[in-house]
Amino acid sequence: MTSLRSARMLLGASCMFALQFHGVSAQEGRPGVTAPQLSLPYAEQKYRGDVGTTYLDSDPAQFPLQVAAPEGAPNVLVVMLDDVGFGQFSVSGGGVPSPHMEALAEDGYLFTRFHTTAV
């Protein structure tokens, strides 16, 4: 039992030691980044006006530019699911209604490349 505890302590200490030189940060926005931004996570947008006690005393809202894909970029949809079986959705014979997935399947877009592990 003591060797397991020692192994855990050693693993935790080595991870903390390695991360201090890796430059890990807590998703801070990068100063000077303007839209369109090409990487995730998106930089946090700050309100640049003055907020008064009422909306009449406040500056009008300044909305940031909408992020747009570069010209010619492919349409990519990433689907990440957890605890889903082979026949979970109605599009593949399951009991969970999935009308949007069925509409995509009717157009020829069927999600068939997935990975699962045995339990």
C-alpha atoms as a PDB file:
ATOM      1  CA  MET A   1       0.000   0.000   0.000  1.00  0.00           C
ATOM      2  CA  THR A   2       2.854   2.366   0.792  1.00  0.00           C
ATOM      3  CA  SER A   3       4.551   1.711  -2.557  1.00  0.00           C
ATOM      4  CA  LEU A   4       1.304   2.582  -4.398  1.00  0.00           C
ATOM      5  CA  ARG A   5       1.034   5.846  -2.475  1.00  0.00           C
ATOM      6  CA  SER A   6       4.684   6.628  -3.220  1.00  0.00           C
ATOM      7  CA  ALA A   7       4.159   5.888  -6.917  1.00  0.00           C
ATOM      8  CA  ARG A   8       1.162   8.239  -7.036  1.00  0.00           C
ATOM      9  CA  MET A   9       3.096  10.986  -5.264  1.00  0.00           C
ATOM     10  CA  LEU A  10       6.030  10.566  -7.649  1.00  0.00           C
ATOM     11  CA  LEU A  11       3.724  10.650 -10.694  1.00  0.00           C
ATOM     12  CA  GLY A  12       1.938  13.777  -9.456  1.00  0.00           C
ATOM     13  CA  ALA A  13       5.183  15.563  -8.631  1.00  0.00           C
ATOM     14  CA  SER A  14       6.718  14.717 -12.005  1.00  0.00           C
ATOM     15  CA  CYS A  15       3.609  15.976 -13.854  1.00  0.00           C
ATOM     16  CA  MET A  16       3.659  19.237 -11.917  1.00  0.00           C
ATOM     17  CA  PHE A  17       7.394  19.616 -12.579  1.00  0.00           C
ATOM     18  CA  ALA A  18       6.925  19.011 -16.316  1.00  0.00           C
ATOM     19  CA  LEU A  19       3.979  21.411 -16.616  1.00  0.00           C
ATOM     20  CA  GLN A  20       5.810  24.335 -15.042  1.00  0.00           C
ATOM     21  CA  PHE A  21       8.172  24.421 -18.029  1.00  0.00           C
ATOM     22  CA  HIS A  22       5.496  23.784 -20.641  1.00  0.00           C
ATOM     23  CA  GLY A  23       3.882  27.228 -20.463  1.00  0.00           C
ATOM     24  CA  VAL A  24       0.361  26.062 -19.639  1.00  0.00           C
ATOM     25  CA  SER A  25      -2.155  28.858 -19.049  1.00  0.00           C
ATOM     26  CA  ALA A  26      -5.825  28.969 -18.164  1.00  0.00           C
ATOM     27  CA  GLN A  27      -7.164  29.918 -21.619  1.00  0.00           C
ATOM     28  CA  GLU A  28      -6.190  33.557 -21.422  1.00  0.00           C
ATOM     29  CA  GLY A  29      -7.202  35.738 -24.336  1.00  0.00           C
ATOM     30  CA  ARG A  30      -4.254  36.865 -26.414  1.00  0.00           C
ATOM     31  CA  PRO A  31      -3.840  40.648 -26.534  1.00  0.00           C
ATOM     32  CA  GLY A  32      -4.013  42.152 -29.988  1.00  0.00           C
ATOM     33  CA  VAL A  33      -6.023  39.314 -31.576  1.00  0.00           C
ATOM     34  CA  THR A  34      -8.780  40.615 -33.817  1.00  0.00           C
ATOM     35  CA  ALA A  35     -11.549  38.755 -35.636  1.00  0.00           C
ATOM     36  CA  PRO A  36     -11.558  36.598 -37.651  1.00  0.00           C
ATOM     37  CA  GLN A  37      -9.649  34.362 -35.293  1.00  0.00           C
ATOM     38  CA  LEU A  38      -8.441  31.083 -36.732  1.00  0.00           C
ATOM     39  CA  SER A  39      -7.798  29.137 -33.534  1.00  0.00           C
ATOM     40  CA  LEU A  40      -9.787  27.946 -30.545  1.00  0.00           C
ATOM     41  CA  PRO A  41     -10.630  28.935 -27.878  1.00  0.00           C
ATOM     42  CA  TYR A  42     -11.831  32.300 -29.116  1.00  0.00           C
ATOM     43  CA  ALA A  43     -10.367  35.292 -27.333  1.00  0.00           C
ATOM     44  CA  GLU A  44     -12.730  36.766 -24.775  1.00  0.00           C
ATOM     45  CA  GLN A  45     -14.408  39.943 -26.034  1.00  0.00           C
ATOM     46  CA  LYS A  46     -14.434  42.831 -23.563  1.00  0.00           C
ATOM     47  CA  TYR A  47     -17.130  45.522 -23.485  1.00  0.00           C
ATOM     48  CA  ARG A  48     -15.413  48.780 -24.372  1.00  0.00           C
ATOM     49  CA  GLY A  49     -18.167  51.220 -23.411  1.00  0.00           C
ATOM     50  CA  ASP A  50     -19.290  52.869 -20.190  1.00  0.00           C
ATOM     51  CA  VAL A  51     -22.101  51.257 -18.190  1.00  0.00           C
ATOM     52  CA  GLY A  52     -24.376  53.740 -16.420  1.00  0.00           C
ATOM     53  CA  THR A  53     -27.104  53.228 -13.841  1.00  0.00           C
ATOM     54  CA  THR A  54     -29.721  52.893 -16.610  1.00  0.00           C
ATOM     55  CA  TYR A  55     -29.555  51.969 -20.272  1.00  0.00           C
ATOM     56  CA  LEU A  56     -30.014  55.649 -21.156  1.00  0.00           C
ATOM     57  CA  ASP A  57     -26.789  56.493 -19.289  1.00  0.00           C
ATOM     58  CA  SER A  58     -24.850  53.636 -20.915  1.00  0.00           C
ATOM     59  CA  ASP A  59     -22.958  53.518 -24.194  1.00  0.00           C
ATOM     60  CA  PRO A  60     -24.547  51.479 -26.996  1.00  0.00           C
ATOM     61  CA  ALA A  61     -23.382  47.902 -27.315  1.00  0.00           C
ATOM     62  CA  GLN A  62     -20.344  47.327 -29.525  1.00  0.00           C
ATOM     63  CA  PHE A  63     -20.585  43.784 -30.843  1.00  0.00           C
ATOM     64  CA  PRO A  64     -17.388  42.072 -32.030  1.00  0.00           C
ATOM     65  CA  LEU A  65     -17.008  40.983 -35.639  1.00  0.00           C
ATOM     66  CA  GLN A  66     -18.465  37.570 -36.345  1.00  0.00           C
ATOM     67  CA  VAL A  67     -15.874  34.848 -36.827  1.00  0.00           C
ATOM     68  CA  ALA A  68     -15.871  33.567 -40.410  1.00  0.00           C
ATOM     69  CA  ALA A  69     -14.082  30.678 -42.069  1.00  0.00           C
ATOM     70  CA  PRO A  70     -11.359  31.514 -44.578  1.00  0.00           C
ATOM     71  CA  GLU A  71     -12.288  31.411 -48.270  1.00  0.00           C
ATOM     72  CA  GLY A  72     -12.355  27.824 -49.562  1.00  0.00           C
ATOM     73  CA  ALA A  73     -12.333  26.221 -46.107  1.00  0.00           C
ATOM     74  CA  PRO A  74     -14.069  22.818 -45.968  1.00  0.00           C
ATOM     75  CA  ASN A  75     -17.223  22.257 -43.946  1.00  0.00           C
ATOM     76  CA  VAL A  76     -16.253  20.022 -41.038  1.00  0.00           C
ATOM     77  CA  LEU A  77     -18.558  18.677 -38.355  1.00  0.00           C
ATOM     78  CA  VAL A  78     -16.940  17.079 -35.312  1.00  0.00           C
ATOM     79  CA  VAL A  79     -19.290  14.843 -33.320  1.00  0.00           C
ATOM     80  CA  MET A  80     -18.207  13.771 -29.843  1.00  0.00           C
ATOM     81  CA  LEU A  81     -20.586  11.539 -27.932  1.00  0.00           C
ATOM     82  CA  ASP A  82     -20.240   9.761 -24.625  1.00  0.00           C
ATOM     83  CA  ASP A  83     -22.014   6.608 -23.464  1.00  0.00           C
ATOM     84  CA  VAL A  84     -23.748   5.983 -26.794  1.00  0.00           C
ATOM     85  CA  GLY A  85     -24.317   2.511 -28.202  1.00  0.00           C
ATOM     86  CA  PHE A  86     -24.432   1.249 -31.784  1.00  0.00           C
ATOM     87  CA  GLY A  87     -28.223   1.537 -32.138  1.00  0.00           C
ATOM     88  CA  GLN A  88     -28.909   4.502 -29.878  1.00  0.00           C
ATOM     89  CA  PHE A  89     -30.435   6.918 -32.393  1.00  0.00           C
ATOM     90  CA  SER A  90     -33.485   6.348 -34.589  1.00  0.00           C
ATOM     91  CA  VAL A  91     -31.407   6.919 -37.730  1.00  0.00           C
ATOM     92  CA  SER A  92     -29.632   3.618 -37.001  1.00  0.00           C
ATOM     93  CA  GLY A  93     -32.634   1.732 -35.620  1.00  0.00           C
ATOM     94  CA  GLY A  94     -32.537   2.947 -32.019  1.00  0.00           C
ATOM     95  CA  GLY A  95     -35.254   4.414 -29.863  1.00  0.00           C
ATOM     96  CA  VAL A  96     -33.976   7.988 -29.488  1.00  0.00           C
ATOM     97  CA  PRO A  97     -35.673  10.294 -32.029  1.00  0.00           C
ATOM     98  CA  SER A  98     -33.104  12.079 -34.197  1.00  0.00           C
ATOM     99  CA  PRO A  99     -34.950  13.909 -37.012  1.00  0.00           C
ATOM    100  CA  HIS A 100     -32.002  16.105 -38.011  1.00  0.00           C
ATOM    101  CA  MET A 101     -29.680  13.111 -38.267  1.00  0.00           C
ATOM    102  CA  GLU A 102     -32.342  11.338 -40.345  1.00  0.00           C
ATOM    103  CA  ALA A 103     -32.560  14.350 -42.687  1.00  0.00           C
ATOM    104  CA  LEU A 104     -28.776  14.288 -43.126  1.00  0.00           C
ATOM    105  CA  ALA A 105     -28.894  10.527 -43.777  1.00  0.00           C
ATOM    106  CA  GLU A 106     -31.542  11.015 -46.474  1.00  0.00           C
ATOM    107  CA  ASP A 107     -29.105  13.389 -48.215  1.00  0.00           C
ATOM    108  CA  GLY A 108     -26.395  10.726 -48.043  1.00  0.00           C
ATOM    109  CA  TYR A 109     -24.569  11.921 -44.925  1.00  0.00           C
ATOM    110  CA  LEU A 110     -24.523   8.978 -42.525  1.00  0.00           C
ATOM    111  CA  PHE A 111     -22.184   8.802 -39.544  1.00  0.00           C
ATOM    112  CA  THR A 112     -20.561   5.383 -39.897  1.00  0.00           C
ATOM    113  CA  ARG A 113     -16.951   5.887 -38.796  1.00  0.00           C
ATOM    114  CA  PHE A 114     -17.021   5.565 -35.046  1.00  0.00           C
ATOM    115  CA  HIS A 115     -14.997   3.771 -32.426  1.00  0.00           C
ATOM    116  CA  THR A 116     -16.132   2.021 -29.284  1.00  0.00           C
ATOM    117  CA  THR A 117     -14.542  -0.151 -26.651  1.00  0.00           C
ATOM    118  CA  ALA A 118     -15.911  -3.275 -25.030  1.00  0.00           C
ATOM    119  CA  VAL A 119     -16.868  -3.021 -21.392  1.00  0.00           C
END
